[in-house]
């Protein structure tokens, strides 16, 4: 139950950062916080008990489901790649415009 609360708080923090900040780097950090909260929640709900030792009767009921963990690992790789791409685009944009503030980049659609 506690992990649901932690997930909600982290997700709300990332979403708040996404909506209120004007710095592009802070927006990327907000996206990363949201992604991390979803991954924490996904891994937390996949736990069904303790790790199996050698008891085959209880193994089916108490084994952690590997599918959410594999999906979380895939999402981590995709998230890291997306973050690297976004930060690279922000760096290139700051070289041409000398700012990373959204309010000062309003003329980009011209």
PDB file of N, CA and C in Angstrom:
ATOM      1  N   UNK A   1       0.816  -1.201   0.000  1.00  0.00           N
ATOM      2  CA  UNK A   1       0.000   0.000   0.000  1.00  0.00           C
ATOM      3  C   UNK A   1       0.860   1.265   0.000  1.00  0.00           C
ATOM      4  N   UNK A   2       1.992   1.201   0.683  1.00  0.00           N
ATOM      5  CA  UNK A   2       2.872   2.363   0.754  1.00  0.00           C
ATOM      6  C   UNK A   2       3.448   2.706  -0.617  1.00  0.00           C
ATOM      7  N   UNK A   3       3.748   1.677  -1.422  1.00  0.00           N
ATOM      8  CA  UNK A   3       4.323   1.960  -2.735  1.00  0.00           C
ATOM      9  C   UNK A   3       3.329   2.657  -3.656  1.00  0.00           C
ATOM     10  N   UNK A   4       2.033   2.469  -3.439  1.00  0.00           N
ATOM     11  CA  UNK A   4       1.051   3.211  -4.229  1.00  0.00           C
ATOM     12  C   UNK A   4       1.137   4.703  -3.908  1.00  0.00           C
ATOM     13  N   UNK A   5       1.276   5.017  -2.632  1.00  0.00           N
ATOM     14  CA  UNK A   5       1.387   6.411  -2.215  1.00  0.00           C
ATOM     15  C   UNK A   5       2.676   7.045  -2.736  1.00  0.00           C
ATOM     16  N   UNK A   6       3.782   6.303  -2.643  1.00  0.00           N
ATOM     17  CA  UNK A   6       5.059   6.815  -3.149  1.00  0.00           C
ATOM     18  C   UNK A   6       4.976   7.026  -4.657  1.00  0.00           C
ATOM     19  N   UNK A   7       4.355   6.081  -5.365  1.00  0.00           N
ATOM     20  CA  UNK A   7       4.187   6.223  -6.815  1.00  0.00           C
ATOM     21  C   UNK A   7       3.392   7.475  -7.150  1.00  0.00           C
ATOM     22  N   UNK A   8       2.290   7.679  -6.462  1.00  0.00           N
ATOM     23  CA  UNK A   8       1.433   8.834  -6.748  1.00  0.00           C
ATOM     24  C   UNK A   8       2.170  10.141  -6.460  1.00  0.00           C
ATOM     25  N   UNK A   9       2.881  10.198  -5.329  1.00  0.00           N
ATOM     26  CA  UNK A   9       3.608  11.421  -4.981  1.00  0.00           C
ATOM     27  C   UNK A   9       4.724  11.727  -5.982  1.00  0.00           C
ATOM     28  N   UNK A  10       5.491  10.705  -6.364  1.00  0.00           N
ATOM     29  CA  UNK A  10       6.562  10.927  -7.335  1.00  0.00           C
ATOM     30  C   UNK A  10       6.009  11.320  -8.705  1.00  0.00           C
ATOM     31  N   UNK A  11       4.943  10.661  -9.111  1.00  0.00           N
ATOM     32  CA  UNK A  11       4.352  10.982 -10.405  1.00  0.00           C
ATOM     33  C   UNK A  11       3.804  12.409 -10.407  1.00  0.00           C
ATOM     34  N   UNK A  12       3.150  12.797  -9.307  1.00  0.00           N
ATOM     35  CA  UNK A  12       2.624  14.157  -9.216  1.00  0.00           C
ATOM     36  C   UNK A  12       3.749  15.191  -9.195  1.00  0.00           C
ATOM     37  N   UNK A  13       4.862  14.869  -8.535  1.00  0.00           N
ATOM     38  CA  UNK A  13       6.007  15.773  -8.524  1.00  0.00           C
ATOM     39  C   UNK A  13       6.567  15.964  -9.935  1.00  0.00           C
ATOM     40  N   UNK A  14       6.708  14.878 -10.675  1.00  0.00           N
ATOM     41  CA  UNK A  14       7.186  14.976 -12.049  1.00  0.00           C
ATOM     42  C   UNK A  14       6.222  15.738 -12.941  1.00  0.00           C
ATOM     43  N   UNK A  15       4.930  15.494 -12.763  1.00  0.00           N
ATOM     44  CA  UNK A  15       3.927  16.180 -13.573  1.00  0.00           C
ATOM     45  C   UNK A  15       3.884  17.670 -13.244  1.00  0.00           C
ATOM     46  N   UNK A  16       4.008  17.998 -11.961  1.00  0.00           N
ATOM     47  CA  UNK A  16       4.066  19.400 -11.544  1.00  0.00           C
ATOM     48  C   UNK A  16       5.274  20.094 -12.171  1.00  0.00           C
ATOM     49  N   UNK A  17       6.406  19.416 -12.149  1.00  0.00           N
ATOM     50  CA  UNK A  17       7.615  19.969 -12.763  1.00  0.00           C
ATOM     51  C   UNK A  17       7.409  20.173 -14.258  1.00  0.00           C
ATOM     52  N   UNK A  18       6.763  19.230 -14.881  1.00  0.00           N
ATOM     53  CA  UNK A  18       6.511  19.305 -16.323  1.00  0.00           C
ATOM     54  C   UNK A  18       5.626  20.498 -16.680  1.00  0.00           C
ATOM     55  N   UNK A  19       4.637  20.784 -15.838  1.00  0.00           N
ATOM     56  CA  UNK A  19       3.689  21.850 -16.147  1.00  0.00           C
ATOM     57  C   UNK A  19       4.170  23.243 -15.753  1.00  0.00           C
ATOM     58  N   UNK A  20       4.959  23.349 -14.698  1.00  0.00           N
ATOM     59  CA  UNK A  20       5.261  24.672 -14.161  1.00  0.00           C
ATOM     60  C   UNK A  20       6.623  25.223 -14.541  1.00  0.00           C
ATOM     61  N   UNK A  21       7.574  24.399 -14.852  1.00  0.00           N
ATOM     62  CA  UNK A  21       8.928  24.891 -15.118  1.00  0.00           C
ATOM     63  C   UNK A  21       9.050  25.371 -16.559  1.00  0.00           C
ATOM     64  N   UNK A  22       9.855  26.386 -16.753  1.00  0.00           N
ATOM     65  CA  UNK A  22      10.087  26.954 -18.082  1.00  0.00           C
ATOM     66  C   UNK A  22      11.440  26.550 -18.659  1.00  0.00           C
ATOM     67  N   UNK A  23      12.299  25.977 -17.847  1.00  0.00           N
ATOM     68  CA  UNK A  23      13.619  25.534 -18.290  1.00  0.00           C
ATOM     69  C   UNK A  23      13.476  24.149 -18.922  1.00  0.00           C
ATOM     70  N   UNK A  24      14.006  23.970 -20.118  1.00  0.00           N
ATOM     71  CA  UNK A  24      13.852  22.697 -20.829  1.00  0.00           C
ATOM     72  C   UNK A  24      14.548  21.546 -20.112  1.00  0.00           C
ATOM     73  N   UNK A  25      15.667  21.815 -19.466  1.00  0.00           N
ATOM     74  CA  UNK A  25      16.374  20.757 -18.743  1.00  0.00           C
ATOM     75  C   UNK A  25      15.552  20.297 -17.541  1.00  0.00           C
ATOM     76  N   UNK A  26      14.900  21.233 -16.858  1.00  0.00           N
ATOM     77  CA  UNK A  26      14.042  20.862 -15.727  1.00  0.00           C
ATOM     78  C   UNK A  26      12.821  20.070 -16.199  1.00  0.00           C
ATOM     79  N   UNK A  27      12.338  20.360 -17.382  1.00  0.00           N
ATOM     80  CA  UNK A  27      11.216  19.597 -17.939  1.00  0.00           C
ATOM     81  C   UNK A  27      11.644  18.157 -18.217  1.00  0.00           C
ATOM     82  N   UNK A  28      12.844  17.973 -18.741  1.00  0.00           N
ATOM     83  CA  UNK A  28      13.361  16.619 -18.976  1.00  0.00           C
ATOM     84  C   UNK A  28      13.528  15.881 -17.647  1.00  0.00           C
ATOM     85  N   UNK A  29      13.978  16.580 -16.614  1.00  0.00           N
ATOM     86  CA  UNK A  29      14.097  15.957 -15.290  1.00  0.00           C
ATOM     87  C   UNK A  29      12.719  15.549 -14.772  1.00  0.00           C
ATOM     88  N   UNK A  30      11.707  16.385 -14.994  1.00  0.00           N
ATOM     89  CA  UNK A  30      10.340  16.028 -14.603  1.00  0.00           C
ATOM     90  C   UNK A  30       9.842  14.785 -15.324  1.00  0.00           C
ATOM     91  N   UNK A  31      10.157  14.668 -16.608  1.00  0.00           N
ATOM     92  CA  UNK A  31       9.791  13.460 -17.358  1.00  0.00           C
ATOM     93  C   UNK A  31      10.493  12.226 -16.788  1.00  0.00           C
ATOM     94  N   UNK A  32      11.756  12.382 -16.402  1.00  0.00           N
ATOM     95  CA  UNK A  32      12.491  11.256 -15.818  1.00  0.00           C
ATOM     96  C   UNK A  32      11.918  10.850 -14.469  1.00  0.00           C
ATOM     97  N   UNK A  33      11.473  11.810 -13.675  1.00  0.00           N
ATOM     98  CA  UNK A  33      10.846  11.485 -12.391  1.00  0.00           C
ATOM     99  C   UNK A  33       9.551  10.715 -12.619  1.00  0.00           C
ATOM    100  N   UNK A  34       8.769  11.147 -13.598  1.00  0.00           N
ATOM    101  CA  UNK A  34       7.528  10.433 -13.901  1.00  0.00           C
ATOM    102  C   UNK A  34       7.815   9.014 -14.373  1.00  0.00           C
ATOM    103  N   UNK A  35       8.807   8.854 -15.226  1.00  0.00           N
ATOM    104  CA  UNK A  35       9.170   7.525 -15.722  1.00  0.00           C
ATOM    105  C   UNK A  35       9.651   6.625 -14.587  1.00  0.00           C
ATOM    106  N   UNK A  36      10.488   7.167 -13.719  1.00  0.00           N
ATOM    107  CA  UNK A  36      11.009   6.373 -12.605  1.00  0.00           C
ATOM    108  C   UNK A  36       9.894   5.953 -11.658  1.00  0.00           C
ATOM    109  N   UNK A  37       8.921   6.824 -11.429  1.00  0.00           N
ATOM    110  CA  UNK A  37       7.830   6.456 -10.528  1.00  0.00           C
ATOM    111  C   UNK A  37       6.993   5.319 -11.109  1.00  0.00           C
ATOM    112  N   UNK A  38       6.759   5.348 -12.406  1.00  0.00           N
ATOM    113  CA  UNK A  38       6.002   4.257 -13.035  1.00  0.00           C
ATOM    114  C   UNK A  38       6.784   2.947 -12.969  1.00  0.00           C
ATOM    115  N   UNK A  39       8.095   3.015 -13.170  1.00  0.00           N
ATOM    116  CA  UNK A  39       8.914   1.802 -13.101  1.00  0.00           C
ATOM    117  C   UNK A  39       8.964   1.244 -11.684  1.00  0.00           C
ATOM    118  N   UNK A  40       9.096   2.116 -10.684  1.00  0.00           N
ATOM    119  CA  UNK A  40       9.077   1.661  -9.294  1.00  0.00           C
ATOM    120  C   UNK A  40       7.758   0.967  -8.978  1.00  0.00           C
ATOM    121  N   UNK A  41       6.664   1.554  -9.435  1.00  0.00           N
ATOM    122  CA  UNK A  41       5.357   0.968  -9.164  1.00  0.00           C
ATOM    123  C   UNK A  41       5.200  -0.375  -9.880  1.00  0.00           C
ATOM    124  N   UNK A  42       5.656  -0.452 -11.126  1.00  0.00           N
ATOM    125  CA  UNK A  42       5.542  -1.693 -11.892  1.00  0.00           C
ATOM    126  C   UNK A  42       6.323  -2.823 -11.237  1.00  0.00           C
ATOM    127  N   UNK A  43       7.521  -2.533 -10.787  1.00  0.00           N
ATOM    128  CA  UNK A  43       8.321  -3.559 -10.125  1.00  0.00           C
ATOM    129  C   UNK A  43       7.730  -3.911  -8.763  1.00  0.00           C
ATOM    130  N   UNK A  44       7.190  -2.923  -8.060  1.00  0.00           N
ATOM    131  CA  UNK A  44       6.625  -3.184  -6.732  1.00  0.00           C
ATOM    132  C   UNK A  44       5.385  -4.071  -6.804  1.00  0.00           C
ATOM    133  N   UNK A  45       4.549  -3.882  -7.812  1.00  0.00           N
ATOM    134  CA  UNK A  45       3.342  -4.710  -7.882  1.00  0.00           C
ATOM    135  C   UNK A  45       3.617  -6.095  -8.449  1.00  0.00           C
ATOM    136  N   UNK A  46       4.794  -6.299  -9.032  1.00  0.00           N
ATOM    137  CA  UNK A  46       5.089  -7.619  -9.594  1.00  0.00           C
ATOM    138  C   UNK A  46       5.568  -8.604  -8.537  1.00  0.00           C
ATOM    139  N   UNK A  47       5.863  -8.125  -7.344  1.00  0.00           N
ATOM    140  CA  UNK A  47       6.350  -8.993  -6.277  1.00  0.00           C
ATOM    141  C   UNK A  47       5.178  -9.744  -5.658  1.00  0.00           C
ATOM    142  N   UNK A  48       5.287 -11.065  -5.631  1.00  0.00           N
ATOM    143  CA  UNK A  48       4.227 -11.900  -5.061  1.00  0.00           C
ATOM    144  C   UNK A  48       4.631 -12.533  -3.738  1.00  0.00           C
ATOM    145  N   UNK A  49       5.819 -12.368  -3.331  1.00  0.00           N
ATOM    146  CA  UNK A  49       6.284 -13.007  -2.104  1.00  0.00           C
ATOM    147  C   UNK A  49       7.783 -13.064  -2.090  1.00  0.00           C
ATOM    148  N   UNK A  50       8.307 -14.132  -1.528  1.00  0.00           N
ATOM    149  CA  UNK A  50       9.759 -14.255  -1.462  1.00  0.00           C
ATOM    150  C   UNK A  50      10.276 -15.076  -2.642  1.00  0.00           C
ATOM    151  N   UNK A  51      11.570 -15.050  -2.815  1.00  0.00           N
ATOM    152  CA  UNK A  51      12.181 -15.791  -3.915  1.00  0.00           C
ATOM    153  C   UNK A  51      12.098 -17.295  -3.648  1.00  0.00           C
ATOM    154  N   UNK A  52      11.894 -18.103  -4.687  1.00  0.00           N
ATOM    155  CA  UNK A  52      11.809 -19.548  -4.480  1.00  0.00           C
ATOM    156  C   UNK A  52      13.178 -20.141  -4.159  1.00  0.00           C
ATOM    157  N   UNK A  53      13.185 -21.092  -3.247  1.00  0.00           N
ATOM    158  CA  UNK A  53      14.436 -21.769  -2.918  1.00  0.00           C
ATOM    159  C   UNK A  53      14.440 -23.121  -3.635  1.00  0.00           C
ATOM    160  N   UNK A  54      13.809 -24.116  -3.080  1.00  0.00           N
ATOM    161  CA  UNK A  54      13.728 -25.416  -3.738  1.00  0.00           C
ATOM    162  C   UNK A  54      12.366 -26.066  -3.551  1.00  0.00           C
ATOM    163  N   UNK A  55      11.439 -25.411  -2.922  1.00  0.00           N
ATOM    164  CA  UNK A  55      10.127 -25.978  -2.685  1.00  0.00           C
ATOM    165  C   UNK A  55       9.259 -25.750  -3.923  1.00  0.00           C
ATOM    166  N   UNK A  56       9.012 -26.795  -4.674  1.00  0.00           N
ATOM    167  CA  UNK A  56       8.299 -26.667  -5.944  1.00  0.00           C
ATOM    168  C   UNK A  56       6.799 -26.443  -5.761  1.00  0.00           C
ATOM    169  N   UNK A  57       6.229 -26.833  -4.619  1.00  0.00           N
ATOM    170  CA  UNK A  57       4.789 -26.651  -4.430  1.00  0.00           C
ATOM    171  C   UNK A  57       4.424 -25.184  -4.252  1.00  0.00           C
ATOM    172  N   UNK A  58       5.225 -24.473  -3.493  1.00  0.00           N
ATOM    173  CA  UNK A  58       4.935 -23.066  -3.238  1.00  0.00           C
ATOM    174  C   UNK A  58       5.530 -22.142  -4.293  1.00  0.00           C
ATOM    175  N   UNK A  59       6.293 -22.695  -5.207  1.00  0.00           N
ATOM    176  CA  UNK A  59       7.036 -21.861  -6.140  1.00  0.00           C
ATOM    177  C   UNK A  59       6.122 -21.040  -7.046  1.00  0.00           C
ATOM    178  N   UNK A  60       5.030 -21.592  -7.486  1.00  0.00           N
ATOM    179  CA  UNK A  60       4.157 -20.901  -8.418  1.00  0.00           C
ATOM    180  C   UNK A  60       3.491 -19.701  -7.756  1.00  0.00           C
ATOM    181  N   UNK A  61       3.160 -19.815  -6.487  1.00  0.00           N
ATOM    182  CA  UNK A  61       2.455 -18.734  -5.815  1.00  0.00           C
ATOM    183  C   UNK A  61       3.369 -17.632  -5.314  1.00  0.00           C
ATOM    184  N   UNK A  62       4.626 -17.930  -5.020  1.00  0.00           N
ATOM    185  CA  UNK A  62       5.488 -16.949  -4.370  1.00  0.00           C
ATOM    186  C   UNK A  62       6.622 -16.437  -5.245  1.00  0.00           C
ATOM    187  N   UNK A  63       6.575 -16.713  -6.515  1.00  0.00           N
ATOM    188  CA  UNK A  63       7.639 -16.272  -7.410  1.00  0.00           C
ATOM    189  C   UNK A  63       7.294 -14.886  -7.948  1.00  0.00           C
ATOM    190  N   UNK A  64       8.284 -14.034  -8.061  1.00  0.00           N
ATOM    191  CA  UNK A  64       8.074 -12.730  -8.691  1.00  0.00           C
ATOM    192  C   UNK A  64       7.877 -12.931 -10.187  1.00  0.00           C
ATOM    193  N   UNK A  65       6.927 -12.212 -10.728  1.00  0.00           N
ATOM    194  CA  UNK A  65       6.627 -12.322 -12.148  1.00  0.00           C
ATOM    195  C   UNK A  65       7.756 -11.672 -12.953  1.00  0.00           C
ATOM    196  N   UNK A  66       8.400 -12.396 -13.870  1.00  0.00           N
ATOM    197  CA  UNK A  66       9.533 -11.810 -14.603  1.00  0.00           C
ATOM    198  C   UNK A  66       9.122 -10.855 -15.723  1.00  0.00           C
ATOM    199  N   UNK A  67       7.897 -10.937 -16.200  1.00  0.00           N
ATOM    200  CA  UNK A  67       7.490 -10.084 -17.313  1.00  0.00           C
ATOM    201  C   UNK A  67       7.515  -8.593 -16.967  1.00  0.00           C
ATOM    202  N   UNK A  68       6.932  -8.150 -15.843  1.00  0.00           N
ATOM    203  CA  UNK A  68       7.038  -6.720 -15.521  1.00  0.00           C
ATOM    204  C   UNK A  68       8.478  -6.261 -15.321  1.00  0.00           C
ATOM    205  N   UNK A  69       9.319  -7.131 -14.811  1.00  0.00           N
ATOM    206  CA  UNK A  69      10.717  -6.757 -14.622  1.00  0.00           C
ATOM    207  C   UNK A  69      11.420  -6.603 -15.972  1.00  0.00           C
ATOM    208  N   UNK A  70      11.117  -7.475 -16.908  1.00  0.00           N
ATOM    209  CA  UNK A  70      11.701  -7.351 -18.249  1.00  0.00           C
ATOM    210  C   UNK A  70      11.185  -6.096 -18.950  1.00  0.00           C
ATOM    211  N   UNK A  71       9.906  -5.801 -18.781  1.00  0.00           N
ATOM    212  CA  UNK A  71       9.359  -4.575 -19.363  1.00  0.00           C
ATOM    213  C   UNK A  71       9.976  -3.338 -18.724  1.00  0.00           C
ATOM    214  N   UNK A  72      10.232  -3.399 -17.420  1.00  0.00           N
ATOM    215  CA  UNK A  72      10.862  -2.267 -16.738  1.00  0.00           C
ATOM    216  C   UNK A  72      12.280  -2.047 -17.247  1.00  0.00           C
ATOM    217  N   UNK A  73      13.024  -3.126 -17.456  1.00  0.00           N
ATOM    218  CA  UNK A  73      14.376  -2.979 -18.000  1.00  0.00           C
ATOM    219  C   UNK A  73      14.352  -2.380 -19.402  1.00  0.00           C
ATOM    220  N   UNK A  74      13.401  -2.812 -20.211  1.00  0.00           N
ATOM    221  CA  UNK A  74      13.258  -2.248 -21.549  1.00  0.00           C
ATOM    222  C   UNK A  74      12.896  -0.769 -21.474  1.00  0.00           C
ATOM    223  N   UNK A  75      12.002  -0.426 -20.558  1.00  0.00           N
ATOM    224  CA  UNK A  75      11.605   0.976 -20.402  1.00  0.00           C
ATOM    225  C   UNK A  75      12.760   1.832 -19.900  1.00  0.00           C
ATOM    226  N   UNK A  76      13.630   1.276 -19.062  1.00  0.00           N
ATOM    227  CA  UNK A  76      14.798   2.018 -18.586  1.00  0.00           C
ATOM    228  C   UNK A  76      15.721   2.347 -19.751  1.00  0.00           C
ATOM    229  N   UNK A  77      15.951   1.379 -20.627  1.00  0.00           N
ATOM    230  CA  UNK A  77      16.822   1.614 -21.787  1.00  0.00           C
ATOM    231  C   UNK A  77      16.203   2.649 -22.721  1.00  0.00           C
ATOM    232  N   UNK A  78      14.919   2.530 -22.981  1.00  0.00           N
ATOM    233  CA  UNK A  78      14.245   3.493 -23.853  1.00  0.00           C
ATOM    234  C   UNK A  78      14.237   4.877 -23.213  1.00  0.00           C
ATOM    235  N   UNK A  79      14.003   4.940 -21.907  1.00  0.00           N
ATOM    236  CA  UNK A  79      14.012   6.222 -21.208  1.00  0.00           C
ATOM    237  C   UNK A  79      15.375   6.885 -21.220  1.00  0.00           C
ATOM    238  N   UNK A  80      16.427   6.100 -21.036  1.00  0.00           N
ATOM    239  CA  UNK A  80      17.781   6.663 -21.074  1.00  0.00           C
ATOM    240  C   UNK A  80      18.110   7.181 -22.472  1.00  0.00           C
ATOM    241  N   UNK A  81      17.696   6.444 -23.489  1.00  0.00           N
ATOM    242  CA  UNK A  81      17.942   6.890 -24.869  1.00  0.00           C
ATOM    243  C   UNK A  81      17.164   8.161 -25.185  1.00  0.00           C
ATOM    244  N   UNK A  82      15.920   8.209 -24.756  1.00  0.00           N
ATOM    245  CA  UNK A  82      15.098   9.394 -24.987  1.00  0.00           C
ATOM    246  C   UNK A  82      15.663  10.602 -24.253  1.00  0.00           C
ATOM    247  N   UNK A  83      16.108  10.391 -23.020  1.00  0.00           N
ATOM    248  CA  UNK A  83      16.703  11.484 -22.252  1.00  0.00           C
ATOM    249  C   UNK A  83      17.969  11.996 -22.923  1.00  0.00           C
ATOM    250  N   UNK A  84      18.802  11.089 -23.396  1.00  0.00           N
ATOM    251  CA  UNK A  84      20.029  11.507 -24.084  1.00  0.00           C
ATOM    252  C   UNK A  84      19.699  12.301 -25.344  1.00  0.00           C
ATOM    253  N   UNK A  85      18.705  11.850 -26.094  1.00  0.00           N
ATOM    254  CA  UNK A  85      18.305  12.566 -27.305  1.00  0.00           C
ATOM    255  C   UNK A  85      17.755  13.950 -26.975  1.00  0.00           C
ATOM    256  N   UNK A  86      16.889  14.037 -25.964  1.00  0.00           N
ATOM    257  CA  UNK A  86      16.328  15.330 -25.580  1.00  0.00           C
ATOM    258  C   UNK A  86      17.408  16.294 -25.106  1.00  0.00           C
ATOM    259  N   UNK A  87      18.332  15.803 -24.288  1.00  0.00           N
ATOM    260  CA  UNK A  87      19.402  16.677 -23.805  1.00  0.00           C
ATOM    261  C   UNK A  87      20.321  17.124 -24.940  1.00  0.00           C
ATOM    262  N   UNK A  88      20.555  16.249 -25.905  1.00  0.00           N
ATOM    263  CA  UNK A  88      21.351  16.639 -27.070  1.00  0.00           C
ATOM    264  C   UNK A  88      20.646  17.723 -27.874  1.00  0.00           C
ATOM    265  N   UNK A  89      19.347  17.572 -28.061  1.00  0.00           N
ATOM    266  CA  UNK A  89      18.589  18.598 -28.783  1.00  0.00           C
ATOM    267  C   UNK A  89      18.575  19.920 -28.021  1.00  0.00           C
ATOM    268  N   UNK A  90      18.481  19.857 -26.698  1.00  0.00           N
ATOM    269  CA  UNK A  90      18.503  21.078 -25.888  1.00  0.00           C
ATOM    270  C   UNK A  90      19.861  21.768 -25.992  1.00  0.00           C
ATOM    271  N   UNK A  91      20.939  20.993 -25.978  1.00  0.00           N
ATOM    272  CA  UNK A  91      22.278  21.578 -26.111  1.00  0.00           C
ATOM    273  C   UNK A  91      22.434  22.261 -27.468  1.00  0.00           C
ATOM    274  N   UNK A  92      21.987  21.599 -28.522  1.00  0.00           N
ATOM    275  CA  UNK A  92      22.084  22.205 -29.853  1.00  0.00           C
ATOM    276  C   UNK A  92      21.204  23.452 -29.962  1.00  0.00           C
ATOM    277  N   UNK A  93      20.040  23.409 -29.359  1.00  0.00           N
ATOM    278  CA  UNK A  93      19.152  24.573 -29.364  1.00  0.00           C
ATOM    279  C   UNK A  93      19.771  25.731 -28.594  1.00  0.00           C
ATOM    280  N   UNK A  94      20.416  25.425 -27.473  1.00  0.00           N
ATOM    281  CA  UNK A  94      21.029  26.494 -26.677  1.00  0.00           C
ATOM    282  C   UNK A  94      22.238  27.103 -27.387  1.00  0.00           C
ATOM    283  N   UNK A  95      22.883  26.348 -28.254  1.00  0.00           N
ATOM    284  CA  UNK A  95      23.995  26.916 -29.033  1.00  0.00           C
ATOM    285  C   UNK A  95      23.494  27.962 -30.034  1.00  0.00           C
ATOM    286  N   UNK A  96      22.308  27.733 -30.593  1.00  0.00           N
ATOM    287  CA  UNK A  96      21.775  28.646 -31.599  1.00  0.00           C
ATOM    288  C   UNK A  96      20.988  29.805 -30.989  1.00  0.00           C
ATOM    289  N   UNK A  97      20.311  29.576 -29.885  1.00  0.00           N
ATOM    290  CA  UNK A  97      19.452  30.597 -29.283  1.00  0.00           C
ATOM    291  C   UNK A  97      19.999  31.174 -27.980  1.00  0.00           C
ATOM    292  N   UNK A  98      21.047  30.606 -27.426  1.00  0.00           N
ATOM    293  CA  UNK A  98      21.664  31.053 -26.169  1.00  0.00           C
ATOM    294  C   UNK A  98      20.701  31.045 -24.985  1.00  0.00           C
ATOM    295  N   UNK A  99      19.712  30.171 -25.008  1.00  0.00           N
ATOM    296  CA  UNK A  99      18.786  30.047 -23.889  1.00  0.00           C
ATOM    297  C   UNK A  99      18.136  28.671 -23.921  1.00  0.00           C
ATOM    298  N   UNK A 100      17.669  28.239 -22.758  1.00  0.00           N
ATOM    299  CA  UNK A 100      16.880  27.005 -22.668  1.00  0.00           C
ATOM    300  C   UNK A 100      15.515  27.297 -22.046  1.00  0.00           C
ATOM    301  N   UNK A 101      15.155  28.564 -21.989  1.00  0.00           N
ATOM    302  CA  UNK A 101      13.878  28.981 -21.429  1.00  0.00           C
ATOM    303  C   UNK A 101      12.808  28.934 -22.518  1.00  0.00           C
ATOM    304  N   UNK A 102      11.667  28.356 -22.199  1.00  0.00           N
ATOM    305  CA  UNK A 102      10.588  28.208 -23.182  1.00  0.00           C
ATOM    306  C   UNK A 102      10.029  29.565 -23.599  1.00  0.00           C
ATOM    307  N   UNK A 103       9.909  30.488 -22.656  1.00  0.00           N
ATOM    308  CA  UNK A 103       9.335  31.795 -22.982  1.00  0.00           C
ATOM    309  C   UNK A 103      10.176  32.555 -24.000  1.00  0.00           C
ATOM    310  N   UNK A 104      11.466  32.345 -23.979  1.00  0.00           N
ATOM    311  CA  UNK A 104      12.342  33.043 -24.918  1.00  0.00           C
ATOM    312  C   UNK A 104      12.473  32.303 -26.253  1.00  0.00           C
ATOM    313  N   UNK A 105      11.886  31.129 -26.365  1.00  0.00           N
ATOM    314  CA  UNK A 105      11.956  30.337 -27.598  1.00  0.00           C
ATOM    315  C   UNK A 105      10.651  30.369 -28.379  1.00  0.00           C
ATOM    316  N   UNK A 106       9.800  31.341 -28.132  1.00  0.00           N
ATOM    317  CA  UNK A 106       8.490  31.373 -28.772  1.00  0.00           C
ATOM    318  C   UNK A 106       8.565  31.603 -30.274  1.00  0.00           C
ATOM    319  N   UNK A 107       9.655  32.134 -30.786  1.00  0.00           N
ATOM    320  CA  UNK A 107       9.763  32.423 -32.206  1.00  0.00           C
ATOM    321  C   UNK A 107      10.204  31.242 -33.044  1.00  0.00           C
ATOM    322  N   UNK A 108      10.210  30.040 -32.496  1.00  0.00           N
ATOM    323  CA  UNK A 108      10.677  28.875 -33.238  1.00  0.00           C
ATOM    324  C   UNK A 108       9.711  28.427 -34.328  1.00  0.00           C
ATOM    325  N   UNK A 109       8.433  28.749 -34.210  1.00  0.00           N
ATOM    326  CA  UNK A 109       7.466  28.276 -35.196  1.00  0.00           C
ATOM    327  C   UNK A 109       7.416  29.165 -36.438  1.00  0.00           C
ATOM    328  N   UNK A 110       8.238  30.186 -36.520  1.00  0.00           N
ATOM    329  CA  UNK A 110       8.281  31.060 -37.705  1.00  0.00           C
ATOM    330  C   UNK A 110       8.953  30.370 -38.863  1.00  0.00           C
TER     331      UNK A 110
END
